[in-house]
Amino acid sequence: MKRLGSLLMALGAGIGIIAAAGIGGMFHLAFPWLINLALAKLTLVGSAGVMAAGAVVHRLAVRREIAAKVSAGDGERSAVTSGDDNER
């Protein structure tokens, strides 16, 4: 699951970079410039959504691993850290 989350975040970032280059360079498609701009903005919004989905999947996978370690252990919660000290 962590691999899937990382893959989705990387995919979203790649799509976002391509969309930003499209806005900056204004790739010339067969549409008027306003439609090209709207398509580029929708692509940016879509890439942000893919990155957010990847972050959620990654976070859920980390939480599942921590829960498995805690339930398998002797109940000592201080031995397992999530890496996010600001969570509590």
Protein backbone atom coordinates (compact mmCIF):
# COMPACT_ATOMS: atom_id res chain seq x y z
CA MET A 1 0.00 0.00 0.00
CA LYS A 2 2.86 2.38 0.73
CA ARG A 3 4.24 1.75 -2.76
CA LEU A 4 0.86 2.55 -4.29
CA GLY A 5 0.65 5.78 -2.30
CA SER A 6 4.15 6.80 -3.33
CA LEU A 7 3.41 5.92 -6.94
CA LEU A 8 0.23 8.00 -6.95
CA MET A 9 2.04 10.99 -5.41
CA ALA A 10 4.84 10.75 -7.98
CA LEU A 11 2.34 10.37 -10.81
CA GLY A 12 0.40 13.41 -9.64
CA ALA A 13 3.59 15.45 -9.37
CA GLY A 14 4.64 14.41 -12.88
CA ILE A 15 1.28 15.31 -14.33
CA GLY A 16 1.38 18.63 -12.50
CA ILE A 17 4.81 19.47 -13.89
CA ILE A 18 3.66 18.67 -17.41
CA ALA A 19 0.51 20.76 -16.93
CA ALA A 20 2.54 23.69 -15.58
CA ALA A 21 4.84 23.46 -18.57
CA GLY A 22 1.75 23.43 -20.76
CA ILE A 23 0.46 26.61 -19.17
CA GLY A 24 3.87 28.28 -19.41
CA GLY A 25 4.55 27.21 -22.97
CA MET A 26 0.89 27.15 -23.97
CA PHE A 27 1.03 23.93 -25.96
CA HIS A 28 -0.82 24.62 -29.14
CA LEU A 29 -3.60 22.16 -29.61
CA ALA A 30 -6.36 22.45 -32.17
CA PHE A 31 -8.47 24.47 -29.69
CA PRO A 32 -8.67 28.20 -29.00
CA TRP A 33 -6.31 29.51 -26.31
CA LEU A 34 -9.03 29.81 -23.68
CA ILE A 35 -9.98 26.16 -23.99
CA ASN A 36 -6.29 25.18 -23.85
CA LEU A 37 -5.92 27.17 -20.64
CA ALA A 38 -9.02 25.58 -19.13
CA LEU A 39 -7.74 22.10 -20.01
CA ALA A 40 -4.37 22.87 -18.44
CA LYS A 41 -6.04 24.12 -15.24
CA LEU A 42 -8.26 21.06 -15.05
CA THR A 43 -5.16 18.91 -15.45
CA LEU A 44 -3.53 20.74 -12.52
CA VAL A 45 -6.60 20.16 -10.37
CA GLY A 46 -6.63 16.49 -11.38
CA SER A 47 -2.96 16.09 -10.54
CA ALA A 48 -3.56 17.63 -7.11
CA GLY A 49 -6.34 15.11 -6.57
CA VAL A 50 -4.09 12.20 -7.54
CA MET A 51 -1.39 13.47 -5.18
CA ALA A 52 -3.92 13.82 -2.35
CA ALA A 53 -5.19 10.28 -2.95
CA GLY A 54 -1.62 9.00 -2.85
CA ALA A 55 -0.98 10.79 0.44
CA VAL A 56 -4.12 9.31 1.97
CA VAL A 57 -3.25 5.78 0.82
CA HIS A 58 0.31 6.16 2.15
CA ARG A 59 -0.94 7.47 5.50
CA LEU A 60 -3.44 4.62 5.88
CA ALA A 61 -0.73 2.06 5.12
CA VAL A 62 1.56 3.55 7.78
CA ARG A 63 -1.25 3.54 10.32
CA ARG A 64 -2.06 -0.09 9.52
CA GLU A 65 1.59 -1.06 10.05
CA ILE A 66 1.73 0.75 13.37
CA ALA A 67 -1.51 -0.86 14.55
CA ALA A 68 -0.16 -4.30 13.60
CA LYS A 69 3.08 -3.67 15.52
CA VAL A 70 1.23 -2.44 18.59
CA SER A 71 -1.22 -5.36 18.62
CA ALA A 72 1.60 -7.88 18.11
CA GLY A 73 3.72 -6.36 20.86
CA ASP A 74 3.35 -6.52 24.61
CA GLY A 75 1.31 -3.34 24.78
CA GLU A 76 4.28 -1.02 25.09
CA ARG A 77 3.26 1.86 22.88
CA SER A 78 6.37 3.97 23.36
CA ALA A 79 8.47 1.50 21.36
CA VAL A 80 6.49 2.17 18.19
CA THR A 81 6.74 5.62 16.66
CA SER A 82 4.97 6.91 13.60
CA GLY A 83 7.54 9.53 12.74
CA ASP A 84 4.99 12.31 13.21
CA ASP A 85 5.52 13.85 16.63
CA ASN A 86 2.96 16.61 16.05
CA GLU A 87 0.06 14.21 15.62
CA ARG A 88 -1.10 14.20 19.25
